[in-house]
């Protein structure tokens, strides 16, 4: 289902429907960069819930935030329709995203042929089988346009100095500024996917204590939904926290101010790795072969028979995540830091 490759000079307006999730948006960066390089004379619009992370990256000329609420999506769709793209690249595999591309009025609509949406697309290559890492699947979709994806590792430029200054001020306010060169280790508590991706609070407490013994300062991070876990951790150990304060606008700057990030299979670990921050990522119910961050990353898993199950909630005693010990995670942190200040 392919309409033939049009000359790149014939495309003056190109729209990219970004994925719905932060991590997926980061994993799409190599594909978007290939589109930007190939259609360098075209005006490129990127639309999605996390479009803001592409600001200042030289990847898109126009960014449109695509809300999750339907009313907001309709307004955003109207914005893109006024833009009137000739070519739309649809990265999500949903029916809605393909329908949106048709609503935009794009003459050519490229996306994977899944979920009965083939009739909404002009170019519908099949999903790779077996499935590949998400970075590679986005790259393969772009390669269907006869484009080369040179890099398979997402890379994003760090925020501007003034934005980083605000992050430093916030860290100082919560008592997490660097003291005599002590490293800062972000510990991200959340995962929008579900509770099955979460590390037990008791393990977080043990990690905070282990890091403190060896001279590092841990900083809790996460959205407001992590408040209950935060309370459980801070009731057991004194640790500065940014939970509920590291919102999307400030998050990239905060990540660039820490030395290592510890987190589960969540979008924030992908963003940190793309910004060049070393990451220790904990995998349980999901498959690192498909969604692990790429970059300076240490992947920690437990080889239990039931993993990966892809359940949002564990129906048993959560052995995949409970089996990951704080000592091993701390050792991976120090390995990434390259030095250890204690015993």
C-alpha atoms as a PDB file:
ATOM      1  CA  UNK A   1       0.000   0.000   0.000  1.00  0.00           C
ATOM      2  CA  UNK A   2       2.506   2.523  -1.196  1.00  0.00           C
ATOM      3  CA  UNK A   3       1.904   5.543  -3.388  1.00  0.00           C
ATOM      4  CA  UNK A   4       5.483   5.897  -4.613  1.00  0.00           C
ATOM      5  CA  UNK A   5       8.169   8.206  -3.362  1.00  0.00           C
ATOM      6  CA  UNK A   6       7.518  11.831  -4.254  1.00  0.00           C
ATOM      7  CA  UNK A   7      10.464  14.174  -4.853  1.00  0.00           C
ATOM      8  CA  UNK A   8      11.510  15.772  -1.571  1.00  0.00           C
ATOM      9  CA  UNK A   9      11.499  19.191  -3.190  1.00  0.00           C
ATOM     10  CA  UNK A  10       7.766  18.731  -3.828  1.00  0.00           C
ATOM     11  CA  UNK A  11       7.063  18.676  -0.064  1.00  0.00           C
ATOM     12  CA  UNK A  12       6.949  22.166   1.396  1.00  0.00           C
ATOM     13  CA  UNK A  13       4.904  21.321   4.532  1.00  0.00           C
ATOM     14  CA  UNK A  14       5.449  18.140   6.525  1.00  0.00           C
ATOM     15  CA  UNK A  15       3.537  17.118   9.664  1.00  0.00           C
ATOM     16  CA  UNK A  16       4.599  14.454  12.163  1.00  0.00           C
ATOM     17  CA  UNK A  17       2.072  13.010  14.590  1.00  0.00           C
ATOM     18  CA  UNK A  18       4.207  12.315  17.635  1.00  0.00           C
ATOM     19  CA  UNK A  19       3.615   9.398  20.024  1.00  0.00           C
ATOM     20  CA  UNK A  20       1.395   9.939  23.044  1.00  0.00           C
ATOM     21  CA  UNK A  21       3.967   9.115  25.715  1.00  0.00           C
ATOM     22  CA  UNK A  22       7.145  10.886  26.801  1.00  0.00           C
ATOM     23  CA  UNK A  23       9.425   7.869  26.385  1.00  0.00           C
ATOM     24  CA  UNK A  24       8.013   7.031  22.961  1.00  0.00           C
ATOM     25  CA  UNK A  25       8.452  10.647  21.853  1.00  0.00           C
ATOM     26  CA  UNK A  26      12.104  10.503  22.871  1.00  0.00           C
ATOM     27  CA  UNK A  27      12.535   7.182  21.053  1.00  0.00           C
ATOM     28  CA  UNK A  28      11.119   8.827  17.915  1.00  0.00           C
ATOM     29  CA  UNK A  29      13.876  11.473  17.845  1.00  0.00           C
ATOM     30  CA  UNK A  30      16.211   9.591  15.436  1.00  0.00           C
ATOM     31  CA  UNK A  31      13.324   9.140  12.975  1.00  0.00           C
ATOM     32  CA  UNK A  32      12.311  12.801  13.275  1.00  0.00           C
ATOM     33  CA  UNK A  33      15.921  13.885  12.775  1.00  0.00           C
ATOM     34  CA  UNK A  34      16.085  11.830   9.576  1.00  0.00           C
ATOM     35  CA  UNK A  35      12.911  13.555   8.330  1.00  0.00           C
ATOM     36  CA  UNK A  36      14.334  16.975   9.221  1.00  0.00           C
ATOM     37  CA  UNK A  37      17.591  16.251   7.382  1.00  0.00           C
ATOM     38  CA  UNK A  38      15.864  14.854   4.307  1.00  0.00           C
ATOM     39  CA  UNK A  39      13.183  17.558   4.008  1.00  0.00           C
ATOM     40  CA  UNK A  40      15.453  20.416   5.080  1.00  0.00           C
ATOM     41  CA  UNK A  41      13.700  22.965   2.860  1.00  0.00           C
ATOM     42  CA  UNK A  42      10.222  22.049   4.096  1.00  0.00           C
ATOM     43  CA  UNK A  43       8.427  23.509   7.107  1.00  0.00           C
ATOM     44  CA  UNK A  44       8.097  20.658   9.609  1.00  0.00           C
ATOM     45  CA  UNK A  45       5.289  20.611  12.166  1.00  0.00           C
ATOM     46  CA  UNK A  46       5.350  18.155  15.082  1.00  0.00           C
ATOM     47  CA  UNK A  47       2.140  17.522  17.024  1.00  0.00           C
ATOM     48  CA  UNK A  48       1.751  15.459  20.165  1.00  0.00           C
ATOM     49  CA  UNK A  49       1.252  15.606  23.958  1.00  0.00           C
ATOM     50  CA  UNK A  50       5.033  15.901  24.517  1.00  0.00           C
ATOM     51  CA  UNK A  51       5.887  18.146  21.565  1.00  0.00           C
ATOM     52  CA  UNK A  52       7.481  20.642  23.972  1.00  0.00           C
ATOM     53  CA  UNK A  53      10.563  18.456  24.496  1.00  0.00           C
ATOM     54  CA  UNK A  54      11.533  19.183  20.881  1.00  0.00           C
ATOM     55  CA  UNK A  55      11.681  22.924  21.547  1.00  0.00           C
ATOM     56  CA  UNK A  56      15.087  24.322  20.661  1.00  0.00           C
ATOM     57  CA  UNK A  57      16.306  21.029  19.182  1.00  0.00           C
ATOM     58  CA  UNK A  58      16.300  22.079  15.530  1.00  0.00           C
ATOM     59  CA  UNK A  59      13.920  19.245  14.672  1.00  0.00           C
ATOM     60  CA  UNK A  60      10.668  21.093  13.994  1.00  0.00           C
ATOM     61  CA  UNK A  61       9.671  24.569  12.874  1.00  0.00           C
ATOM     62  CA  UNK A  62       6.210  24.411  14.457  1.00  0.00           C
ATOM     63  CA  UNK A  63       5.239  22.570  17.655  1.00  0.00           C
ATOM     64  CA  UNK A  64       1.610  21.796  18.471  1.00  0.00           C
ATOM     65  CA  UNK A  65       0.710  20.346  21.844  1.00  0.00           C
ATOM     66  CA  UNK A  66      -1.806  17.585  21.235  1.00  0.00           C
ATOM     67  CA  UNK A  67      -3.779  17.124  24.464  1.00  0.00           C
ATOM     68  CA  UNK A  68      -5.133  13.774  25.613  1.00  0.00           C
ATOM     69  CA  UNK A  69      -8.657  15.218  26.034  1.00  0.00           C
ATOM     70  CA  UNK A  70     -10.813  14.918  22.928  1.00  0.00           C
ATOM     71  CA  UNK A  71     -11.969  18.539  22.970  1.00  0.00           C
ATOM     72  CA  UNK A  72      -8.382  19.742  23.046  1.00  0.00           C
ATOM     73  CA  UNK A  73      -7.411  17.311  20.307  1.00  0.00           C
ATOM     74  CA  UNK A  74     -10.096  18.680  18.017  1.00  0.00           C
ATOM     75  CA  UNK A  75      -8.728  22.193  18.495  1.00  0.00           C
ATOM     76  CA  UNK A  76      -5.190  20.971  17.796  1.00  0.00           C
ATOM     77  CA  UNK A  77      -6.390  19.092  14.714  1.00  0.00           C
ATOM     78  CA  UNK A  78      -7.870  22.318  13.380  1.00  0.00           C
ATOM     79  CA  UNK A  79      -4.508  24.050  13.917  1.00  0.00           C
ATOM     80  CA  UNK A  80      -2.710  21.417  11.863  1.00  0.00           C
ATOM     81  CA  UNK A  81      -5.401  21.453   9.177  1.00  0.00           C
ATOM     82  CA  UNK A  82      -4.777  25.185   8.698  1.00  0.00           C
ATOM     83  CA  UNK A  83      -1.072  24.323   8.312  1.00  0.00           C
ATOM     84  CA  UNK A  84      -2.195  22.098   5.387  1.00  0.00           C
ATOM     85  CA  UNK A  85       0.609  19.510   5.221  1.00  0.00           C
ATOM     86  CA  UNK A  86       1.286  17.678   1.991  1.00  0.00           C
ATOM     87  CA  UNK A  87       2.880  14.758   3.865  1.00  0.00           C
ATOM     88  CA  UNK A  88       1.947  13.389   7.291  1.00  0.00           C
ATOM     89  CA  UNK A  89       4.024  10.772   9.121  1.00  0.00           C
ATOM     90  CA  UNK A  90       1.918   9.005  11.754  1.00  0.00           C
ATOM     91  CA  UNK A  91       4.115   7.473  14.464  1.00  0.00           C
ATOM     92  CA  UNK A  92       1.431   6.107  16.857  1.00  0.00           C
ATOM     93  CA  UNK A  93      -0.361   2.921  15.799  1.00  0.00           C
ATOM     94  CA  UNK A  94      -3.815   4.100  16.874  1.00  0.00           C
ATOM     95  CA  UNK A  95      -6.874   4.522  14.675  1.00  0.00           C
ATOM     96  CA  UNK A  96      -7.327   8.046  16.034  1.00  0.00           C
ATOM     97  CA  UNK A  97      -3.882   9.217  14.912  1.00  0.00           C
ATOM     98  CA  UNK A  98      -4.439   7.984  11.356  1.00  0.00           C
ATOM     99  CA  UNK A  99      -7.880   9.627  11.299  1.00  0.00           C
ATOM    100  CA  UNK A 100      -6.310  12.864  12.518  1.00  0.00           C
ATOM    101  CA  UNK A 101      -3.804  12.802   9.651  1.00  0.00           C
ATOM    102  CA  UNK A 102      -6.667  12.471   7.193  1.00  0.00           C
ATOM    103  CA  UNK A 103      -8.509  15.279   8.970  1.00  0.00           C
ATOM    104  CA  UNK A 104      -5.409  17.433   8.513  1.00  0.00           C
ATOM    105  CA  UNK A 105      -5.888  17.125   4.775  1.00  0.00           C
ATOM    106  CA  UNK A 106      -2.482  15.580   4.113  1.00  0.00           C
ATOM    107  CA  UNK A 107      -2.294  14.209   0.590  1.00  0.00           C
ATOM    108  CA  UNK A 108       0.120  11.512   1.640  1.00  0.00           C
ATOM    109  CA  UNK A 109      -0.269   9.746   5.006  1.00  0.00           C
ATOM    110  CA  UNK A 110       2.394   7.291   6.156  1.00  0.00           C
ATOM    111  CA  UNK A 111       1.907   4.935   9.105  1.00  0.00           C
ATOM    112  CA  UNK A 112       1.964   1.276  10.032  1.00  0.00           C
ATOM    113  CA  UNK A 113      -0.978  -0.753   8.723  1.00  0.00           C
ATOM    114  CA  UNK A 114      -2.489  -1.970  12.011  1.00  0.00           C
ATOM    115  CA  UNK A 115      -5.865  -1.980  13.716  1.00  0.00           C
ATOM    116  CA  UNK A 116      -8.053  -1.668  10.639  1.00  0.00           C
ATOM    117  CA  UNK A 117      -6.776   1.792   9.758  1.00  0.00           C
ATOM    118  CA  UNK A 118      -5.251   0.948   6.359  1.00  0.00           C
ATOM    119  CA  UNK A 119      -7.958   2.862   4.491  1.00  0.00           C
ATOM    120  CA  UNK A 120      -6.922   6.067   6.283  1.00  0.00           C
ATOM    121  CA  UNK A 121      -3.337   5.807   5.050  1.00  0.00           C
ATOM    122  CA  UNK A 122      -1.787   6.118   1.616  1.00  0.00           C
ATOM    123  CA  UNK A 123       1.385   4.277   2.675  1.00  0.00           C
ATOM    124  CA  UNK A 124       0.930   1.444   5.164  1.00  0.00           C
ATOM    125  CA  UNK A 125       3.950  -0.805   5.681  1.00  0.00           C
ATOM    126  CA  UNK A 126       3.450  -3.741   8.020  1.00  0.00           C
ATOM    127  CA  UNK A 127       4.796  -3.717  11.536  1.00  0.00           C
ATOM    128  CA  UNK A 128       8.086  -5.609  11.830  1.00  0.00           C
ATOM    129  CA  UNK A 129       7.683  -9.194  12.973  1.00  0.00           C
ATOM    130  CA  UNK A 130       9.046 -10.095  15.401  1.00  0.00           C
ATOM    131  CA  UNK A 131       8.687  -6.713  17.043  1.00  0.00           C
ATOM    132  CA  UNK A 132      11.810  -4.588  17.323  1.00  0.00           C
ATOM    133  CA  UNK A 133      13.004  -1.914  19.721  1.00  0.00           C
ATOM    134  CA  UNK A 134      10.697   1.081  19.508  1.00  0.00           C
ATOM    135  CA  UNK A 135      13.513   3.305  18.216  1.00  0.00           C
ATOM    136  CA  UNK A 136      14.063   0.870  15.360  1.00  0.00           C
ATOM    137  CA  UNK A 137      10.362   0.563  14.532  1.00  0.00           C
ATOM    138  CA  UNK A 138      10.000   4.331  14.204  1.00  0.00           C
ATOM    139  CA  UNK A 139      13.161   4.373  12.096  1.00  0.00           C
ATOM    140  CA  UNK A 140      11.816   1.602   9.851  1.00  0.00           C
ATOM    141  CA  UNK A 141       8.649   3.621   9.202  1.00  0.00           C
ATOM    142  CA  UNK A 142      10.725   6.575   8.038  1.00  0.00           C
ATOM    143  CA  UNK A 143      12.922   4.275   5.964  1.00  0.00           C
ATOM    144  CA  UNK A 144       9.769   3.271   4.083  1.00  0.00           C
ATOM    145  CA  UNK A 145      10.082   6.756   2.547  1.00  0.00           C
ATOM    146  CA  UNK A 146      13.513   5.771   1.227  1.00  0.00           C
ATOM    147  CA  UNK A 147      15.240   7.883   3.869  1.00  0.00           C
ATOM    148  CA  UNK A 148      18.309   6.916   5.880  1.00  0.00           C
ATOM    149  CA  UNK A 149      18.182   6.983   9.690  1.00  0.00           C
ATOM    150  CA  UNK A 150      21.840   7.476  10.527  1.00  0.00           C
ATOM    151  CA  UNK A 151      21.717   7.279  14.333  1.00  0.00           C
ATOM    152  CA  UNK A 152      19.669   4.854  16.416  1.00  0.00           C
ATOM    153  CA  UNK A 153      20.362   6.634  19.710  1.00  0.00           C
ATOM    154  CA  UNK A 154      18.130   9.581  20.706  1.00  0.00           C
ATOM    155  CA  UNK A 155      20.095  12.728  21.495  1.00  0.00           C
ATOM    156  CA  UNK A 156      18.723  16.025  22.767  1.00  0.00           C
ATOM    157  CA  UNK A 157      20.580  19.247  23.493  1.00  0.00           C
ATOM    158  CA  UNK A 158      20.511  20.376  27.160  1.00  0.00           C
ATOM    159  CA  UNK A 159      18.307  23.307  28.205  1.00  0.00           C
ATOM    160  CA  UNK A 160      19.517  26.877  28.113  1.00  0.00           C
ATOM    161  CA  UNK A 161      21.545  28.332  30.993  1.00  0.00           C
ATOM    162  CA  UNK A 162      18.651  30.382  32.378  1.00  0.00           C
ATOM    163  CA  UNK A 163      16.436  27.298  32.599  1.00  0.00           C
ATOM    164  CA  UNK A 164      19.165  25.361  34.376  1.00  0.00           C
ATOM    165  CA  UNK A 165      19.536  28.249  36.812  1.00  0.00           C
ATOM    166  CA  UNK A 166      15.923  27.817  37.877  1.00  0.00           C
ATOM    167  CA  UNK A 167      16.508  24.104  38.416  1.00  0.00           C
ATOM    168  CA  UNK A 168      19.561  24.809  40.567  1.00  0.00           C
ATOM    169  CA  UNK A 169      17.536  27.225  42.683  1.00  0.00           C
ATOM    170  CA  UNK A 170      14.812  24.637  43.244  1.00  0.00           C
ATOM    171  CA  UNK A 171      17.350  21.963  44.199  1.00  0.00           C
ATOM    172  CA  UNK A 172      18.946  24.368  46.660  1.00  0.00           C
ATOM    173  CA  UNK A 173      15.542  25.134  48.206  1.00  0.00           C
ATOM    174  CA  UNK A 174      14.931  21.456  48.995  1.00  0.00           C
ATOM    175  CA  UNK A 175      18.451  20.955  50.377  1.00  0.00           C
ATOM    176  CA  UNK A 176      19.819  19.049  47.403  1.00  0.00           C
ATOM    177  CA  UNK A 177      22.564  21.375  46.229  1.00  0.00           C
ATOM    178  CA  UNK A 178      25.970  19.763  45.753  1.00  0.00           C
ATOM    179  CA  UNK A 179      28.091  19.763  48.910  1.00  0.00           C
ATOM    180  CA  UNK A 180      31.840  19.426  48.485  1.00  0.00           C
ATOM    181  CA  UNK A 181      31.384  17.660  45.176  1.00  0.00           C
ATOM    182  CA  UNK A 182      28.961  15.008  46.432  1.00  0.00           C
ATOM    183  CA  UNK A 183      27.031  13.577  43.463  1.00  0.00           C
ATOM    184  CA  UNK A 184      23.277  14.023  43.111  1.00  0.00           C
ATOM    185  CA  UNK A 185      21.298  10.894  42.271  1.00  0.00           C
ATOM    186  CA  UNK A 186      17.706  11.317  41.112  1.00  0.00           C
ATOM    187  CA  UNK A 187      15.376   8.483  42.143  1.00  0.00           C
ATOM    188  CA  UNK A 188      12.223   8.552  40.051  1.00  0.00           C
ATOM    189  CA  UNK A 189       9.275   6.912  41.824  1.00  0.00           C
ATOM    190  CA  UNK A 190       6.629   6.795  39.123  1.00  0.00           C
ATOM    191  CA  UNK A 191       5.450   5.053  35.985  1.00  0.00           C
ATOM    192  CA  UNK A 192       2.216   5.973  34.222  1.00  0.00           C
ATOM    193  CA  UNK A 193       1.902   2.426  32.875  1.00  0.00           C
ATOM    194  CA  UNK A 194       0.799   0.949  36.211  1.00  0.00           C
ATOM    195  CA  UNK A 195       1.929  -0.307  39.596  1.00  0.00           C
ATOM    196  CA  UNK A 196       3.694  -3.344  38.121  1.00  0.00           C
ATOM    197  CA  UNK A 197       6.590  -1.133  36.994  1.00  0.00           C
ATOM    198  CA  UNK A 198       7.152   0.382  40.441  1.00  0.00           C
ATOM    199  CA  UNK A 199      10.020  -0.522  42.744  1.00  0.00           C
ATOM    200  CA  UNK A 200       8.811  -1.198  46.330  1.00  0.00           C
ATOM    201  CA  UNK A 201       9.124   1.824  48.663  1.00  0.00           C
ATOM    202  CA  UNK A 202      11.223  -0.184  51.115  1.00  0.00           C
ATOM    203  CA  UNK A 203      13.793  -0.793  48.404  1.00  0.00           C
ATOM    204  CA  UNK A 204      13.869   2.955  47.670  1.00  0.00           C
ATOM    205  CA  UNK A 205      14.560   3.618  51.368  1.00  0.00           C
ATOM    206  CA  UNK A 206      17.441   1.134  51.327  1.00  0.00           C
ATOM    207  CA  UNK A 207      18.904   2.752  48.199  1.00  0.00           C
ATOM    208  CA  UNK A 208      18.719   6.247  49.716  1.00  0.00           C
ATOM    209  CA  UNK A 209      20.513   4.981  52.813  1.00  0.00           C
ATOM    210  CA  UNK A 210      23.172   3.130  50.795  1.00  0.00           C
ATOM    211  CA  UNK A 211      23.904   6.166  48.641  1.00  0.00           C
ATOM    212  CA  UNK A 212      24.150   8.445  51.694  1.00  0.00           C
ATOM    213  CA  UNK A 213      26.630   6.087  53.379  1.00  0.00           C
ATOM    214  CA  UNK A 214      28.894   6.333  50.352  1.00  0.00           C
ATOM    215  CA  UNK A 215      28.676  10.114  50.035  1.00  0.00           C
ATOM    216  CA  UNK A 216      25.914  10.714  47.467  1.00  0.00           C
ATOM    217  CA  UNK A 217      22.708  12.702  47.878  1.00  0.00           C
ATOM    218  CA  UNK A 218      19.512  11.098  46.634  1.00  0.00           C
ATOM    219  CA  UNK A 219      16.646  13.265  45.363  1.00  0.00           C
ATOM    220  CA  UNK A 220      13.146  11.822  44.994  1.00  0.00           C
ATOM    221  CA  UNK A 221      11.391  12.684  41.735  1.00  0.00           C
ATOM    222  CA  UNK A 222       7.999  11.960  40.233  1.00  0.00           C
ATOM    223  CA  UNK A 223       4.562  13.373  39.390  1.00  0.00           C
ATOM    224  CA  UNK A 224       1.933  14.281  42.014  1.00  0.00           C
ATOM    225  CA  UNK A 225       0.513  10.755  41.727  1.00  0.00           C
ATOM    226  CA  UNK A 226       3.645   9.526  43.538  1.00  0.00           C
ATOM    227  CA  UNK A 227       2.771  11.446  46.724  1.00  0.00           C
ATOM    228  CA  UNK A 228       1.758   8.325  48.664  1.00  0.00           C
ATOM    229  CA  UNK A 229       5.020   6.540  47.847  1.00  0.00           C
ATOM    230  CA  UNK A 230       6.940   9.717  48.675  1.00  0.00           C
ATOM    231  CA  UNK A 231       5.292   9.884  52.122  1.00  0.00           C
ATOM    232  CA  UNK A 232       6.142   6.255  52.803  1.00  0.00           C
ATOM    233  CA  UNK A 233       9.784   6.803  51.878  1.00  0.00           C
ATOM    234  CA  UNK A 234      10.233  10.099  53.723  1.00  0.00           C
ATOM    235  CA  UNK A 235       8.616   8.624  56.840  1.00  0.00           C
ATOM    236  CA  UNK A 236      11.504   6.131  56.984  1.00  0.00           C
ATOM    237  CA  UNK A 237      14.457   8.232  55.852  1.00  0.00           C
ATOM    238  CA  UNK A 238      15.363  11.907  55.464  1.00  0.00           C
ATOM    239  CA  UNK A 239      15.672  12.675  51.776  1.00  0.00           C
ATOM    240  CA  UNK A 240      14.999  15.811  49.684  1.00  0.00           C
ATOM    241  CA  UNK A 241      12.070  15.486  47.316  1.00  0.00           C
ATOM    242  CA  UNK A 242      10.906  17.088  44.090  1.00  0.00           C
ATOM    243  CA  UNK A 243       7.794  14.914  43.814  1.00  0.00           C
ATOM    244  CA  UNK A 244       4.996  16.986  42.295  1.00  0.00           C
ATOM    245  CA  UNK A 245       7.389  19.832  41.454  1.00  0.00           C
ATOM    246  CA  UNK A 246       9.376  18.374  38.532  1.00  0.00           C
ATOM    247  CA  UNK A 247       6.732  19.178  35.932  1.00  0.00           C
ATOM    248  CA  UNK A 248       7.210  18.876  32.155  1.00  0.00           C
ATOM    249  CA  UNK A 249       8.513  22.408  31.642  1.00  0.00           C
ATOM    250  CA  UNK A 250      11.195  22.133  34.341  1.00  0.00           C
ATOM    251  CA  UNK A 251      12.009  18.435  33.993  1.00  0.00           C
ATOM    252  CA  UNK A 252      14.767  18.643  31.309  1.00  0.00           C
ATOM    253  CA  UNK A 253      16.625  21.317  33.287  1.00  0.00           C
ATOM    254  CA  UNK A 254      16.361  19.328  36.515  1.00  0.00           C
ATOM    255  CA  UNK A 255      17.654  16.200  34.838  1.00  0.00           C
ATOM    256  CA  UNK A 256      20.728  18.033  33.559  1.00  0.00           C
ATOM    257  CA  UNK A 257      21.547  19.059  37.140  1.00  0.00           C
ATOM    258  CA  UNK A 258      21.791  15.512  38.508  1.00  0.00           C
ATOM    259  CA  UNK A 259      24.647  13.082  38.006  1.00  0.00           C
ATOM    260  CA  UNK A 260      22.726   9.809  37.638  1.00  0.00           C
ATOM    261  CA  UNK A 261      19.032   8.951  37.397  1.00  0.00           C
ATOM    262  CA  UNK A 262      17.521   5.760  38.821  1.00  0.00           C
ATOM    263  CA  UNK A 263      14.070   4.834  37.559  1.00  0.00           C
ATOM    264  CA  UNK A 264      11.867   2.158  36.093  1.00  0.00           C
ATOM    265  CA  UNK A 265      10.719   1.664  32.526  1.00  0.00           C
ATOM    266  CA  UNK A 266       9.346   5.180  32.262  1.00  0.00           C
ATOM    267  CA  UNK A 267       9.623   8.144  29.949  1.00  0.00           C
ATOM    268  CA  UNK A 268      11.789  10.173  32.311  1.00  0.00           C
ATOM    269  CA  UNK A 269      14.640   7.644  32.025  1.00  0.00           C
ATOM    270  CA  UNK A 270      14.480   7.975  28.227  1.00  0.00           C
ATOM    271  CA  UNK A 271      14.566  11.767  28.459  1.00  0.00           C
ATOM    272  CA  UNK A 272      17.519  11.696  30.852  1.00  0.00           C
ATOM    273  CA  UNK A 273      19.503   9.312  28.633  1.00  0.00           C
ATOM    274  CA  UNK A 274      18.808  11.462  25.561  1.00  0.00           C
ATOM    275  CA  UNK A 275      20.093  14.509  27.454  1.00  0.00           C
ATOM    276  CA  UNK A 276      23.332  12.639  28.197  1.00  0.00           C
ATOM    277  CA  UNK A 277      22.558  11.828  31.850  1.00  0.00           C
ATOM    278  CA  UNK A 278      23.679   8.345  32.967  1.00  0.00           C
ATOM    279  CA  UNK A 279      20.703   6.140  33.856  1.00  0.00           C
ATOM    280  CA  UNK A 280      20.119   3.020  35.933  1.00  0.00           C
ATOM    281  CA  UNK A 281      16.805   1.603  34.742  1.00  0.00           C
ATOM    282  CA  UNK A 282      14.892  -1.195  36.471  1.00  0.00           C
ATOM    283  CA  UNK A 283      12.911  -3.567  34.272  1.00  0.00           C
ATOM    284  CA  UNK A 284      10.312  -6.036  35.512  1.00  0.00           C
ATOM    285  CA  UNK A 285       7.040  -6.598  33.635  1.00  0.00           C
ATOM    286  CA  UNK A 286       8.254  -5.106  30.342  1.00  0.00           C
ATOM    287  CA  UNK A 287      10.982  -6.086  27.900  1.00  0.00           C
ATOM    288  CA  UNK A 288      14.215  -4.048  27.731  1.00  0.00           C
ATOM    289  CA  UNK A 289      14.815  -5.447  24.254  1.00  0.00           C
ATOM    290  CA  UNK A 290      11.826  -3.389  23.117  1.00  0.00           C
ATOM    291  CA  UNK A 291      11.859  -0.225  25.226  1.00  0.00           C
ATOM    292  CA  UNK A 292      15.107   0.229  27.186  1.00  0.00           C
ATOM    293  CA  UNK A 293      16.657   3.706  26.975  1.00  0.00           C
ATOM    294  CA  UNK A 294      19.688   4.011  24.742  1.00  0.00           C
ATOM    295  CA  UNK A 295      22.800   5.845  25.807  1.00  0.00           C
ATOM    296  CA  UNK A 296      24.914   5.561  28.933  1.00  0.00           C
ATOM    297  CA  UNK A 297      22.493   3.156  30.581  1.00  0.00           C
ATOM    298  CA  UNK A 298      22.705   0.281  33.057  1.00  0.00           C
ATOM    299  CA  UNK A 299      19.727  -2.113  32.815  1.00  0.00           C
ATOM    300  CA  UNK A 300      18.826  -4.106  35.931  1.00  0.00           C
ATOM    301  CA  UNK A 301      16.433  -7.053  35.659  1.00  0.00           C
ATOM    302  CA  UNK A 302      15.541 -10.228  37.531  1.00  0.00           C
ATOM    303  CA  UNK A 303      15.167 -13.346  35.394  1.00  0.00           C
ATOM    304  CA  UNK A 304      11.895 -14.609  36.819  1.00  0.00           C
ATOM    305  CA  UNK A 305       9.798 -17.057  34.756  1.00  0.00           C
ATOM    306  CA  UNK A 306       6.777 -14.757  34.528  1.00  0.00           C
ATOM    307  CA  UNK A 307       8.635 -11.770  33.053  1.00  0.00           C
ATOM    308  CA  UNK A 308       8.022  -9.999  30.816  1.00  0.00           C
ATOM    309  CA  UNK A 309       4.274 -10.305  31.370  1.00  0.00           C
ATOM    310  CA  UNK A 310       3.276  -6.733  30.359  1.00  0.00           C
ATOM    311  CA  UNK A 311       0.605  -6.680  33.090  1.00  0.00           C
ATOM    312  CA  UNK A 312      -0.169  -3.253  34.489  1.00  0.00           C
ATOM    313  CA  UNK A 313      -0.740  -4.735  37.946  1.00  0.00           C
ATOM    314  CA  UNK A 314       1.027  -7.827  39.254  1.00  0.00           C
ATOM    315  CA  UNK A 315      -1.454 -10.611  40.183  1.00  0.00           C
ATOM    316  CA  UNK A 316       1.076 -12.321  42.483  1.00  0.00           C
ATOM    317  CA  UNK A 317       3.872 -10.995  44.757  1.00  0.00           C
ATOM    318  CA  UNK A 318       5.753  -8.875  42.194  1.00  0.00           C
ATOM    319  CA  UNK A 319       8.947 -10.994  42.086  1.00  0.00           C
ATOM    320  CA  UNK A 320      10.440  -9.182  39.084  1.00  0.00           C
ATOM    321  CA  UNK A 321      10.722  -5.855  40.897  1.00  0.00           C
ATOM    322  CA  UNK A 322      11.049  -7.082  44.480  1.00  0.00           C
ATOM    323  CA  UNK A 323      13.975  -9.212  43.402  1.00  0.00           C
ATOM    324  CA  UNK A 324      16.014  -6.153  42.378  1.00  0.00           C
ATOM    325  CA  UNK A 325      18.072  -5.280  45.448  1.00  0.00           C
ATOM    326  CA  UNK A 326      19.117  -1.805  46.551  1.00  0.00           C
ATOM    327  CA  UNK A 327      22.745  -2.913  46.827  1.00  0.00           C
ATOM    328  CA  UNK A 328      22.914  -3.886  43.168  1.00  0.00           C
ATOM    329  CA  UNK A 329      21.291  -0.639  42.080  1.00  0.00           C
ATOM    330  CA  UNK A 330      23.705   1.394  44.222  1.00  0.00           C
ATOM    331  CA  UNK A 331      26.637  -0.485  42.682  1.00  0.00           C
ATOM    332  CA  UNK A 332      25.363   0.361  39.185  1.00  0.00           C
ATOM    333  CA  UNK A 333      25.063   4.017  40.211  1.00  0.00           C
ATOM    334  CA  UNK A 334      28.668   4.126  41.370  1.00  0.00           C
ATOM    335  CA  UNK A 335      29.792   2.305  38.250  1.00  0.00           C
ATOM    336  CA  UNK A 336      28.264   5.079  36.162  1.00  0.00           C
ATOM    337  CA  UNK A 337      29.731   7.775  38.365  1.00  0.00           C
ATOM    338  CA  UNK A 338      33.120   6.202  37.809  1.00  0.00           C
ATOM    339  CA  UNK A 339      34.304   6.584  41.403  1.00  0.00           C
ATOM    340  CA  UNK A 340      33.237   5.648  44.874  1.00  0.00           C
ATOM    341  CA  UNK A 341      33.776   7.905  47.838  1.00  0.00           C
ATOM    342  CA  UNK A 342      32.986   5.400  50.563  1.00  0.00           C
ATOM    343  CA  UNK A 343      32.981   1.703  51.361  1.00  0.00           C
END
